PDB file of all heavy atoms in Angstrom:
ATOM      1  N   ALA A   1      -1.776  -3.250  57.502  1.00  0.00           N
ATOM      2  CA  ALA A   1      -1.687  -3.698  58.928  1.00  0.00           C
ATOM      3  C   ALA A   1      -0.216  -4.081  59.327  1.00  0.00           C
ATOM      4  O   ALA A   1       0.434  -4.720  58.365  1.00  0.00           O
ATOM      5  CB  ALA A   1      -2.656  -4.867  59.243  1.00  0.00           C
ATOM      6  N   TRP A   2       0.210  -3.710  60.380  1.00  0.00           N
ATOM      7  CA  TRP A   2       1.560  -4.118  60.818  1.00  0.00           C
ATOM      8  C   TRP A   2       1.665  -5.613  60.911  1.00  0.00           C
ATOM      9  O   TRP A   2       0.692  -6.272  61.393  1.00  0.00           O
ATOM     10  CB  TRP A   2       1.857  -3.460  62.178  1.00  0.00           C
ATOM     11  CG  TRP A   2       2.175  -1.932  62.022  1.00  0.00           C
ATOM     12  CD1 TRP A   2       1.169  -0.996  62.018  1.00  0.00           C
ATOM     13  CD2 TRP A   2       3.420  -1.339  61.851  1.00  0.00           C
ATOM     14  NE1 TRP A   2       1.807   0.263  61.869  1.00  0.00           N
ATOM     15  CE2 TRP A   2       3.175   0.040  61.788  1.00  0.00           C
ATOM     16  CE3 TRP A   2       4.718  -1.765  61.783  1.00  0.00           C
ATOM     17  CZ2 TRP A   2       4.125   0.987  61.637  1.00  0.00           C
ATOM     18  CZ3 TRP A   2       5.693  -0.792  61.605  1.00  0.00           C
ATOM     19  CH2 TRP A   2       5.540   0.485  61.545  1.00  0.00           C
ATOM     20  N   VAL A   3       2.805  -6.161  60.531  1.00  0.00           N
ATOM     21  CA  VAL A   3       2.966  -7.582  60.582  1.00  0.00           C
ATOM     22  C   VAL A   3       3.919  -7.968  61.654  1.00  0.00           C
ATOM     23  O   VAL A   3       5.045  -7.400  61.814  1.00  0.00           O
ATOM     24  CB  VAL A   3       3.544  -8.008  59.147  1.00  0.00           C
ATOM     25  CG1 VAL A   3       3.886  -9.562  59.222  1.00  0.00           C
ATOM     26  CG2 VAL A   3       2.560  -7.695  58.070  1.00  0.00           C
ATOM     27  N   GLU A   4       3.610  -8.963  62.464  1.00  0.00           N
ATOM     28  CA  GLU A   4       4.427  -9.486  63.499  1.00  0.00           C
ATOM     29  C   GLU A   4       5.517 -10.300  62.866  1.00  0.00           C
ATOM     30  O   GLU A   4       5.305 -11.216  62.095  1.00  0.00           O
ATOM     31  CB  GLU A   4       3.633 -10.277  64.534  1.00  0.00           C
ATOM     32  CG  GLU A   4       2.755  -9.519  65.328  1.00  0.00           C
ATOM     33  CD  GLU A   4       2.068 -10.319  66.433  1.00  0.00           C
ATOM     34  OE1 GLU A   4       2.117 -11.576  66.347  1.00  0.00           O
ATOM     35  OE2 GLU A   4       1.400  -9.734  67.382  1.00  0.00           O
ATOM     36  N   VAL A   5       6.810 -10.057  63.275  1.00  0.00           N
ATOM     37  CA  VAL A   5       8.002 -10.766  62.725  1.00  0.00           C
ATOM     38  C   VAL A   5       8.525 -11.761  63.689  1.00  0.00           C
ATOM     39  O   VAL A   5       8.595 -12.958  63.341  1.00  0.00           O
ATOM     40  CB  VAL A   5       9.040  -9.707  62.315  1.00  0.00           C
ATOM     41  CG1 VAL A   5      10.251 -10.471  61.732  1.00  0.00           C
ATOM     42  CG2 VAL A   5       8.544  -8.715  61.330  1.00  0.00           C
ATOM     43  N   ALA A   6       8.997 -11.326  64.870  1.00  0.00           N
ATOM     44  CA  ALA A   6       9.562 -12.220  65.807  1.00  0.00           C
ATOM     45  C   ALA A   6       9.581 -11.489  67.172  1.00  0.00           C
ATOM     46  O   ALA A   6       9.524 -10.246  67.273  1.00  0.00           O
ATOM     47  CB  ALA A   6      10.934 -12.652  65.394  1.00  0.00           C
ATOM     48  N   ARG A   7       9.867 -12.254  68.236  1.00  0.00           N
ATOM     49  CA  ARG A   7      10.027 -11.673  69.462  1.00  0.00           C
ATOM     50  C   ARG A   7      11.435 -11.027  69.575  1.00  0.00           C
ATOM     51  O   ARG A   7      12.408 -11.537  68.907  1.00  0.00           O
ATOM     52  CB  ARG A   7       9.844 -12.675  70.620  1.00  0.00           C
ATOM     53  CG  ARG A   7       8.446 -13.205  70.656  1.00  0.00           C
ATOM     54  CD  ARG A   7       8.112 -13.994  71.902  1.00  0.00           C
ATOM     55  NE  ARG A   7       6.766 -14.485  71.969  1.00  0.00           N
ATOM     56  CZ  ARG A   7       5.731 -13.714  72.310  1.00  0.00           C
ATOM     57  NH1 ARG A   7       5.841 -12.523  72.630  1.00  0.00           N
ATOM     58  NH2 ARG A   7       4.537 -14.231  72.246  1.00  0.00           N
ATOM     59  N   THR A   8      11.583 -10.075  70.320  1.00  0.00           N
ATOM     60  CA  THR A   8      12.829  -9.342  70.492  1.00  0.00           C
ATOM     61  C   THR A   8      13.976 -10.315  70.906  1.00  0.00           C
ATOM     62  O   THR A   8      15.136 -10.134  70.490  1.00  0.00           O
ATOM     63  CB  THR A   8      12.727  -8.157  71.420  1.00  0.00           C
ATOM     64  OG1 THR A   8      12.283  -8.588  72.707  1.00  0.00           O
ATOM     65  CG2 THR A   8      11.793  -7.064  70.853  1.00  0.00           C
ATOM     66  N   SER A   9      13.625 -11.244  71.755  1.00  0.00           N
ATOM     67  CA  SER A   9      14.665 -12.159  72.205  1.00  0.00           C
ATOM     68  C   SER A   9      15.155 -13.040  71.072  1.00  0.00           C
ATOM     69  O   SER A   9      16.246 -13.666  71.258  1.00  0.00           O
ATOM     70  CB  SER A   9      14.155 -13.071  73.313  1.00  0.00           C
ATOM     71  OG  SER A   9      12.951 -13.766  72.865  1.00  0.00           O
ATOM     72  N   ALA A  10      14.425 -13.154  69.967  1.00  0.00           N
ATOM     73  CA  ALA A  10      14.881 -14.003  68.843  1.00  0.00           C
ATOM     74  C   ALA A  10      15.809 -13.307  67.848  1.00  0.00           C
ATOM     75  O   ALA A  10      16.336 -14.003  67.026  1.00  0.00           O
ATOM     76  CB  ALA A  10      13.650 -14.601  68.124  1.00  0.00           C
ATOM     77  N   MET A  11      15.863 -11.946  67.983  1.00  0.00           N
ATOM     78  CA  MET A  11      16.795 -11.212  67.065  1.00  0.00           C
ATOM     79  C   MET A  11      18.187 -11.422  67.415  1.00  0.00           C
ATOM     80  O   MET A  11      18.527 -11.326  68.633  1.00  0.00           O
ATOM     81  CB  MET A  11      16.387  -9.804  67.065  1.00  0.00           C
ATOM     82  CG  MET A  11      14.898  -9.506  66.658  1.00  0.00           C
ATOM     83  SD  MET A  11      14.493  -9.962  64.999  1.00  0.00           S
ATOM     84  CE  MET A  11      15.571  -8.972  63.984  1.00  0.00           C
ATOM     85  N   ARG A  12      19.147 -11.566  66.490  1.00  0.00           N
ATOM     86  CA  ARG A  12      20.535 -11.760  66.678  1.00  0.00           C
ATOM     87  C   ARG A  12      21.244 -10.567  66.057  1.00  0.00           C
ATOM     88  O   ARG A  12      20.953 -10.157  64.930  1.00  0.00           O
ATOM     89  CB  ARG A  12      20.993 -13.067  66.087  1.00  0.00           C
ATOM     90  CG  ARG A  12      20.499 -14.305  66.670  1.00  0.00           C
ATOM     91  CD  ARG A  12      20.992 -15.536  65.809  1.00  0.00           C
ATOM     92  NE  ARG A  12      22.436 -15.551  65.782  1.00  0.00           N
ATOM     93  CZ  ARG A  12      23.116 -16.295  64.826  1.00  0.00           C
ATOM     94  NH1 ARG A  12      22.439 -16.915  63.963  1.00  0.00           N
ATOM     95  NH2 ARG A  12      24.438 -16.279  64.824  1.00  0.00           N
ATOM     96  N   GLU A  13      22.150 -10.116  66.858  1.00  0.00           N
ATOM     97  CA  GLU A  13      22.981  -8.923  66.409  1.00  0.00           C
ATOM     98  C   GLU A  13      23.683  -9.323  65.029  1.00  0.00           C
ATOM     99  O   GLU A  13      24.404 -10.362  64.991  1.00  0.00           O
ATOM    100  CB  GLU A  13      23.964  -8.507  67.422  1.00  0.00           C
ATOM    101  CG  GLU A  13      24.943  -7.345  67.078  1.00  0.00           C
ATOM    102  CD  GLU A  13      24.234  -6.030  66.890  1.00  0.00           C
ATOM    103  OE1 GLU A  13      23.121  -5.782  67.549  1.00  0.00           O
ATOM    104  OE2 GLU A  13      24.679  -5.284  66.055  1.00  0.00           O
ATOM    105  N   GLY A  14      23.591  -8.478  64.005  1.00  0.00           N
ATOM    106  CA  GLY A  14      24.210  -8.706  62.829  1.00  0.00           C
ATOM    107  C   GLY A  14      23.546  -9.586  61.815  1.00  0.00           C
ATOM    108  O   GLY A  14      24.127  -9.943  60.747  1.00  0.00           O
ATOM    109  N   TYR A  15      22.361 -10.090  62.191  1.00  0.00           N
ATOM    110  CA  TYR A  15      21.671 -11.001  61.319  1.00  0.00           C
ATOM    111  C   TYR A  15      20.151 -10.532  61.161  1.00  0.00           C
ATOM    112  O   TYR A  15      19.775  -9.487  61.696  1.00  0.00           O
ATOM    113  CB  TYR A  15      21.642 -12.390  61.913  1.00  0.00           C
ATOM    114  CG  TYR A  15      22.951 -13.107  61.888  1.00  0.00           C
ATOM    115  CD1 TYR A  15      23.886 -12.957  62.911  1.00  0.00           C
ATOM    116  CD2 TYR A  15      23.410 -13.845  60.835  1.00  0.00           C
ATOM    117  CE1 TYR A  15      25.151 -13.539  62.877  1.00  0.00           C
ATOM    118  CE2 TYR A  15      24.598 -14.460  60.743  1.00  0.00           C
ATOM    119  CZ  TYR A  15      25.516 -14.317  61.764  1.00  0.00           C
ATOM    120  OH  TYR A  15      26.739 -14.823  61.761  1.00  0.00           O
ATOM    121  N   ALA A  16      19.468 -11.298  60.360  1.00  0.00           N
ATOM    122  CA  ALA A  16      18.059 -10.843  59.983  1.00  0.00           C
ATOM    123  C   ALA A  16      17.027 -11.877  60.226  1.00  0.00           C
ATOM    124  O   ALA A  16      17.352 -13.128  60.253  1.00  0.00           O
ATOM    125  CB  ALA A  16      17.996 -10.377  58.516  1.00  0.00           C
ATOM    126  N   LYS A  17      15.817 -11.524  60.493  1.00  0.00           N
ATOM    127  CA  LYS A  17      14.660 -12.354  60.412  1.00  0.00           C
ATOM    128  C   LYS A  17      13.870 -12.024  59.155  1.00  0.00           C
ATOM    129  O   LYS A  17      13.696 -10.822  58.760  1.00  0.00           O
ATOM    130  CB  LYS A  17      13.742 -12.190  61.619  1.00  0.00           C
ATOM    131  CG  LYS A  17      14.344 -12.706  62.939  1.00  0.00           C
ATOM    132  CD  LYS A  17      14.354 -14.211  62.956  1.00  0.00           C
ATOM    133  CE  LYS A  17      14.896 -14.730  64.245  1.00  0.00           C
ATOM    134  NZ  LYS A  17      14.840 -16.219  64.228  1.00  0.00           N
ATOM    135  N   ILE A  18      13.458 -13.040  58.444  1.00  0.00           N
ATOM    136  CA  ILE A  18      12.755 -12.891  57.178  1.00  0.00           C
ATOM    137  C   ILE A  18      11.304 -13.257  57.332  1.00  0.00           C
ATOM    138  O   ILE A  18      10.968 -14.326  57.933  1.00  0.00           O
ATOM    139  CB  ILE A  18      13.403 -13.771  56.067  1.00  0.00           C
ATOM    140  CG1 ILE A  18      14.793 -13.385  55.906  1.00  0.00           C
ATOM    141  CG2 ILE A  18      12.645 -13.587  54.697  1.00  0.00           C
ATOM    142  CD1 ILE A  18      15.537 -14.432  54.974  1.00  0.00           C
ATOM    143  N   THR A  19      10.375 -12.381  56.870  1.00  0.00           N
ATOM    144  CA  THR A  19       8.992 -12.642  56.895  1.00  0.00           C
ATOM    145  C   THR A  19       8.415 -12.357  55.477  1.00  0.00           C
ATOM    146  O   THR A  19       8.881 -11.590  54.709  1.00  0.00           O
ATOM    147  CB  THR A  19       8.257 -11.739  57.936  1.00  0.00           C
ATOM    148  OG1 THR A  19       6.862 -12.258  58.121  1.00  0.00           O
ATOM    149  CG2 THR A  19       8.250 -10.323  57.428  1.00  0.00           C
ATOM    150  N   ARG A  20       7.322 -13.141  55.227  1.00  0.00           N
ATOM    151  CA  ARG A  20       6.627 -12.938  53.997  1.00  0.00           C
ATOM    152  C   ARG A  20       5.308 -12.205  54.144  1.00  0.00           C
ATOM    153  O   ARG A  20       4.531 -12.520  55.035  1.00  0.00           O
ATOM    154  CB  ARG A  20       6.395 -14.346  53.328  1.00  0.00           C
ATOM    155  CG  ARG A  20       5.794 -14.249  51.965  1.00  0.00           C
ATOM    156  CD  ARG A  20       6.052 -15.514  51.142  1.00  0.00           C
ATOM    157  NE  ARG A  20       5.567 -16.746  51.695  1.00  0.00           N
ATOM    158  CZ  ARG A  20       4.480 -17.339  51.193  1.00  0.00           C
ATOM    159  NH1 ARG A  20       3.787 -16.794  50.181  1.00  0.00           N
ATOM    160  NH2 ARG A  20       4.020 -18.474  51.802  1.00  0.00           N
ATOM    161  N   LEU A  21       5.024 -11.248  53.303  1.00  0.00           N
ATOM    162  CA  LEU A  21       3.826 -10.425  53.476  1.00  0.00           C
ATOM    163  C   LEU A  21       2.676 -11.098  52.668  1.00  0.00           C
ATOM    164  O   LEU A  21       2.896 -12.038  51.929  1.00  0.00           O
ATOM    165  CB  LEU A  21       4.118  -8.976  52.885  1.00  0.00           C
ATOM    166  CG  LEU A  21       5.314  -8.281  53.566  1.00  0.00           C
ATOM    167  CD1 LEU A  21       5.554  -6.956  52.858  1.00  0.00           C
ATOM    168  CD2 LEU A  21       5.110  -8.142  55.041  1.00  0.00           C
ATOM    169  N   SER A  22       1.512 -10.462  52.817  1.00  0.00           N
ATOM    170  CA  SER A  22       0.353 -11.066  52.086  1.00  0.00           C
ATOM    171  C   SER A  22       0.386 -10.984  50.671  1.00  0.00           C
ATOM    172  O   SER A  22      -0.192 -11.791  49.910  1.00  0.00           O
ATOM    173  CB  SER A  22      -0.935 -10.386  52.619  1.00  0.00           C
ATOM    174  OG  SER A  22      -0.825  -8.924  52.320  1.00  0.00           O
ATOM    175  N   ASN A  23       1.179 -10.041  50.131  1.00  0.00           N
ATOM    176  CA  ASN A  23       1.343  -9.897  48.650  1.00  0.00           C
ATOM    177  C   ASN A  23       2.470 -10.804  48.142  1.00  0.00           C
ATOM    178  O   ASN A  23       2.757 -10.692  46.939  1.00  0.00           O
ATOM    179  CB  ASN A  23       1.587  -8.422  48.240  1.00  0.00           C
ATOM    180  CG  ASN A  23       2.862  -7.863  48.798  1.00  0.00           C
ATOM    181  OD1 ASN A  23       3.644  -8.670  49.507  1.00  0.00           O
ATOM    182  ND2 ASN A  23       3.141  -6.622  48.592  1.00  0.00           N
ATOM    183  N   GLY A  24       3.077 -11.559  48.955  1.00  0.00           N
ATOM    184  CA  GLY A  24       4.130 -12.503  48.493  1.00  0.00           C
ATOM    185  C   GLY A  24       5.581 -12.000  48.636  1.00  0.00           C
ATOM    186  O   GLY A  24       6.532 -12.702  48.570  1.00  0.00           O
ATOM    187  N   ASP A  25       5.681 -10.671  48.951  1.00  0.00           N
ATOM    188  CA  ASP A  25       7.029 -10.079  49.027  1.00  0.00           C
ATOM    189  C   ASP A  25       7.684 -10.533  50.356  1.00  0.00           C
ATOM    190  O   ASP A  25       6.922 -10.604  51.343  1.00  0.00           O
ATOM    191  CB  ASP A  25       6.987  -8.465  48.990  1.00  0.00           C
ATOM    192  CG  ASP A  25       6.577  -8.003  47.597  1.00  0.00           C
ATOM    193  OD1 ASP A  25       6.764  -8.766  46.695  1.00  0.00           O
ATOM    194  OD2 ASP A  25       6.102  -6.820  47.542  1.00  0.00           O
ATOM    195  N   ARG A  26       8.944 -10.674  50.362  1.00  0.00           N
ATOM    196  CA  ARG A  26       9.690 -10.933  51.529  1.00  0.00           C
ATOM    197  C   ARG A  26      10.488  -9.826  52.101  1.00  0.00           C
ATOM    198  O   ARG A  26      11.033  -9.041  51.273  1.00  0.00           O
ATOM    199  CB  ARG A  26      10.571 -12.231  51.347  1.00  0.00           C
ATOM    200  CG  ARG A  26       9.821 -13.509  51.300  1.00  0.00           C
ATOM    201  CD  ARG A  26      10.834 -14.665  51.012  1.00  0.00           C
ATOM    202  NE  ARG A  26      10.268 -15.980  51.259  1.00  0.00           N
ATOM    203  CZ  ARG A  26       9.460 -16.680  50.483  1.00  0.00           C
ATOM    204  NH1 ARG A  26       9.133 -16.095  49.241  1.00  0.00           N
ATOM    205  NH2 ARG A  26       8.914 -17.784  50.833  1.00  0.00           N
ATOM    206  N   VAL A  27      10.505  -9.699  53.400  1.00  0.00           N
ATOM    207  CA  VAL A  27      11.224  -8.490  53.958  1.00  0.00           C
ATOM    208  C   VAL A  27      12.253  -9.078  54.977  1.00  0.00           C
ATOM    209  O   VAL A  27      11.925 -10.008  55.692  1.00  0.00           O
ATOM    210  CB  VAL A  27      10.234  -7.576  54.801  1.00  0.00           C
ATOM    211  CG1 VAL A  27      10.893  -6.446  55.381  1.00  0.00           C
ATOM    212  CG2 VAL A  27       9.106  -7.085  53.852  1.00  0.00           C
ATOM    213  N   ALA A  28      13.424  -8.516  55.034  1.00  0.00           N
ATOM    214  CA  ALA A  28      14.436  -8.919  55.934  1.00  0.00           C
ATOM    215  C   ALA A  28      14.637  -7.761  57.009  1.00  0.00           C
ATOM    216  O   ALA A  28      14.869  -6.609  56.691  1.00  0.00           O
ATOM    217  CB  ALA A  28      15.802  -9.108  55.133  1.00  0.00           C
ATOM    218  N   ILE A  29      14.470  -8.165  58.257  1.00  0.00           N
ATOM    219  CA  ILE A  29      14.546  -7.233  59.343  1.00  0.00           C
ATOM    220  C   ILE A  29      15.820  -7.469  60.089  1.00  0.00           C
ATOM    221  O   ILE A  29      16.050  -8.548  60.609  1.00  0.00           O
ATOM    222  CB  ILE A  29      13.367  -7.289  60.300  1.00  0.00           C
ATOM    223  CG1 ILE A  29      12.045  -7.058  59.545  1.00  0.00           C
ATOM    224  CG2 ILE A  29      13.508  -6.294  61.522  1.00  0.00           C
ATOM    225  CD1 ILE A  29      11.400  -8.273  58.944  1.00  0.00           C
ATOM    226  N   PHE A  30      16.772  -6.482  60.046  1.00  0.00           N
ATOM    227  CA  PHE A  30      18.095  -6.731  60.575  1.00  0.00           C
ATOM    228  C   PHE A  30      18.244  -5.997  61.960  1.00  0.00           C
ATOM    229  O   PHE A  30      17.592  -4.964  62.178  1.00  0.00           O
ATOM    230  CB  PHE A  30      19.185  -6.075  59.680  1.00  0.00           C
ATOM    231  CG  PHE A  30      19.373  -6.860  58.375  1.00  0.00           C
ATOM    232  CD1 PHE A  30      18.574  -6.538  57.233  1.00  0.00           C
ATOM    233  CD2 PHE A  30      20.227  -7.834  58.253  1.00  0.00           C
ATOM    234  CE1 PHE A  30      18.624  -7.187  56.081  1.00  0.00           C
ATOM    235  CE2 PHE A  30      20.397  -8.561  56.999  1.00  0.00           C
ATOM    236  CZ  PHE A  30      19.617  -8.170  55.932  1.00  0.00           C
ATOM    237  N   LEU A  31      19.074  -6.637  62.822  1.00  0.00           N
ATOM    238  CA  LEU A  31      19.466  -6.024  64.066  1.00  0.00           C
ATOM    239  C   LEU A  31      20.947  -5.620  63.958  1.00  0.00           C
ATOM    240  O   LEU A  31      21.796  -6.484  63.766  1.00  0.00           O
ATOM    241  CB  LEU A  31      19.232  -7.015  65.237  1.00  0.00           C
ATOM    242  CG  LEU A  31      19.720  -6.433  66.601  1.00  0.00           C
ATOM    243  CD1 LEU A  31      18.976  -5.261  66.944  1.00  0.00           C
ATOM    244  CD2 LEU A  31      19.547  -7.571  67.656  1.00  0.00           C
ATOM    245  N   MET A  32      21.173  -4.296  64.011  1.00  0.00           N
ATOM    246  CA  MET A  32      22.535  -3.785  63.777  1.00  0.00           C
ATOM    247  C   MET A  32      22.806  -2.735  64.879  1.00  0.00           C
ATOM    248  O   MET A  32      22.113  -1.791  64.994  1.00  0.00           O
ATOM    249  CB  MET A  32      22.620  -3.152  62.379  1.00  0.00           C
ATOM    250  CG  MET A  32      24.022  -2.454  62.134  1.00  0.00           C
ATOM    251  SD  MET A  32      23.924  -1.364  60.708  1.00  0.00           S
ATOM    252  CE  MET A  32      22.815  -0.172  61.309  1.00  0.00           C
ATOM    253  N   ASP A  33      23.846  -3.002  65.647  1.00  0.00           N
ATOM    254  CA  ASP A  33      24.239  -2.089  66.702  1.00  0.00           C
ATOM    255  C   ASP A  33      23.045  -1.851  67.662  1.00  0.00           C
ATOM    256  O   ASP A  33      22.859  -0.703  68.090  1.00  0.00           O
ATOM    257  CB  ASP A  33      24.841  -0.796  66.204  1.00  0.00           C
ATOM    258  CG  ASP A  33      26.066  -0.975  65.375  1.00  0.00           C
ATOM    259  OD1 ASP A  33      26.822  -2.013  65.691  1.00  0.00           O
ATOM    260  OD2 ASP A  33      26.355  -0.134  64.518  1.00  0.00           O
ATOM    261  N   GLY A  34      22.284  -2.887  67.972  1.00  0.00           N
ATOM    262  CA  GLY A  34      21.133  -2.724  68.825  1.00  0.00           C
ATOM    263  C   GLY A  34      19.983  -2.030  68.253  1.00  0.00           C
ATOM    264  O   GLY A  34      19.003  -1.649  68.996  1.00  0.00           O
ATOM    265  N   LYS A  35      19.946  -1.761  66.974  1.00  0.00           N
ATOM    266  CA  LYS A  35      18.841  -1.070  66.277  1.00  0.00           C
ATOM    267  C   LYS A  35      18.335  -1.975  65.097  1.00  0.00           C
ATOM    268  O   LYS A  35      19.071  -2.607  64.489  1.00  0.00           O
ATOM    269  CB  LYS A  35      19.309   0.275  65.773  1.00  0.00           C
ATOM    270  CG  LYS A  35      19.718   1.252  66.931  1.00  0.00           C
ATOM    271  CD  LYS A  35      20.167   2.552  66.343  1.00  0.00           C
ATOM    272  CE  LYS A  35      20.595   3.504  67.512  1.00  0.00           C
ATOM    273  NZ  LYS A  35      21.046   4.812  66.892  1.00  0.00           N
ATOM    274  N   LEU A  36      16.995  -1.705  64.845  1.00  0.00           N
ATOM    275  CA  LEU A  36      16.314  -2.538  63.775  1.00  0.00           C
ATOM    276  C   LEU A  36      16.123  -1.719  62.542  1.00  0.00           C
ATOM    277  O   LEU A  36      15.809  -0.580  62.587  1.00  0.00           O
ATOM    278  CB  LEU A  36      14.959  -3.004  64.364  1.00  0.00           C
ATOM    279  CG  LEU A  36      15.005  -3.945  65.522  1.00  0.00           C
ATOM    280  CD1 LEU A  36      13.609  -4.007  66.148  1.00  0.00           C
ATOM    281  CD2 LEU A  36      15.554  -5.351  65.141  1.00  0.00           C
ATOM    282  N   SER A  37      16.311  -2.382  61.351  1.00  0.00           N
ATOM    283  CA  SER A  37      16.168  -1.780  60.092  1.00  0.00           C
ATOM    284  C   SER A  37      15.544  -2.932  59.230  1.00  0.00           C
ATOM    285  O   SER A  37      15.857  -4.079  59.381  1.00  0.00           O
ATOM    286  CB  SER A  37      17.397  -1.178  59.392  1.00  0.00           C
ATOM    287  OG  SER A  37      17.830  -0.193  60.208  1.00  0.00           O
ATOM    288  N   ALA A  38      14.755  -2.514  58.193  1.00  0.00           N
ATOM    289  CA  ALA A  38      14.198  -3.517  57.290  1.00  0.00           C
ATOM    290  C   ALA A  38      14.292  -3.147  55.896  1.00  0.00           C
ATOM    291  O   ALA A  38      14.079  -1.856  55.505  1.00  0.00           O
ATOM    292  CB  ALA A  38      12.655  -3.666  57.698  1.00  0.00           C
ATOM    293  N   ILE A  39      14.624  -4.054  54.985  1.00  0.00           N
ATOM    294  CA  ILE A  39      14.787  -3.835  53.566  1.00  0.00           C
ATOM    295  C   ILE A  39      14.124  -5.005  52.814  1.00  0.00           C
ATOM    296  O   ILE A  39      13.905  -6.036  53.497  1.00  0.00           O
ATOM    297  CB  ILE A  39      16.235  -3.657  53.057  1.00  0.00           C
ATOM    298  CG1 ILE A  39      17.049  -4.941  53.409  1.00  0.00           C
ATOM    299  CG2 ILE A  39      16.824  -2.439  53.678  1.00  0.00           C
ATOM    300  CD1 ILE A  39      18.455  -4.836  52.857  1.00  0.00           C
ATOM    301  N   SER A  40      13.901  -4.869  51.561  1.00  0.00           N
ATOM    302  CA  SER A  40      13.381  -6.037  50.767  1.00  0.00           C
ATOM    303  C   SER A  40      14.476  -7.155  50.908  1.00  0.00           C
ATOM    304  O   SER A  40      15.692  -6.930  50.857  1.00  0.00           O
ATOM    305  CB  SER A  40      13.269  -5.595  49.345  1.00  0.00           C
ATOM    306  OG  SER A  40      12.957  -6.762  48.503  1.00  0.00           O
ATOM    307  N   ASN A  41      13.978  -8.445  50.913  1.00  0.00           N
ATOM    308  CA  ASN A  41      14.808  -9.587  50.922  1.00  0.00           C
ATOM    309  C   ASN A  41      15.436  -9.867  49.550  1.00  0.00           C
ATOM    310  O   ASN A  41      16.299 -10.735  49.387  1.00  0.00           O
ATOM    311  CB  ASN A  41      14.089 -10.710  51.499  1.00  0.00           C
ATOM    312  CG  ASN A  41      14.975 -11.977  51.718  1.00  0.00           C
ATOM    313  OD1 ASN A  41      16.022 -11.792  52.368  1.00  0.00           O
ATOM    314  ND2 ASN A  41      14.642 -13.057  51.188  1.00  0.00           N
ATOM    315  N   ALA A  42      14.911  -9.164  48.482  1.00  0.00           N
ATOM    316  CA  ALA A  42      15.329  -9.566  47.167  1.00  0.00           C
ATOM    317  C   ALA A  42      16.414  -8.620  46.570  1.00  0.00           C
ATOM    318  O   ALA A  42      16.093  -7.364  46.455  1.00  0.00           O
ATOM    319  CB  ALA A  42      14.102  -9.533  46.137  1.00  0.00           C
ATOM    320  N   CYS A  43      17.595  -9.108  46.361  1.00  0.00           N
ATOM    321  CA  CYS A  43      18.678  -8.338  45.812  1.00  0.00           C
ATOM    322  C   CYS A  43      18.311  -7.767  44.412  1.00  0.00           C
ATOM    323  O   CYS A  43      17.641  -8.517  43.653  1.00  0.00           O
ATOM    324  CB  CYS A  43      19.947  -9.181  45.733  1.00  0.00           C
ATOM    325  SG  CYS A  43      21.406  -8.338  44.957  1.00  0.00           S
ATOM    326  N   ALA A  44      18.710  -6.525  44.116  1.00  0.00           N
ATOM    327  CA  ALA A  44      18.328  -5.881  42.872  1.00  0.00           C
ATOM    328  C   ALA A  44      19.112  -6.579  41.690  1.00  0.00           C
ATOM    329  O   ALA A  44      18.772  -6.375  40.516  1.00  0.00           O
ATOM    330  CB  ALA A  44      18.640  -4.398  42.955  1.00  0.00           C
ATOM    331  N   HIS A  45      20.147  -7.420  41.997  1.00  0.00           N
ATOM    332  CA  HIS A  45      20.964  -8.079  40.968  1.00  0.00           C
ATOM    333  C   HIS A  45      20.188  -9.219  40.362  1.00  0.00           C
ATOM    334  O   HIS A  45      19.809  -9.282  39.179  1.00  0.00           O
ATOM    335  CB  HIS A  45      22.343  -8.422  41.544  1.00  0.00           C
ATOM    336  CG  HIS A  45      23.225  -9.150  40.574  1.00  0.00           C
ATOM    337  ND1 HIS A  45      23.898 -10.275  40.981  1.00  0.00           N
ATOM    338  CD2 HIS A  45      23.388  -9.032  39.303  1.00  0.00           C
ATOM    339  CE1 HIS A  45      24.578 -10.713  39.931  1.00  0.00           C
ATOM    340  NE2 HIS A  45      24.364  -9.975  38.870  1.00  0.00           N
TER     341      HIS A  45
END
């Protein structure tokens, strides 16, 4: 099921909102140049 993250008004250009999924994983949703992208919040390092 799709997960609600935040309202569009809460997104900041160049920054992310972090949400935690039901399996415990965290996702970072970034606003970049007026567009949204999402990656895992956990660095591979």
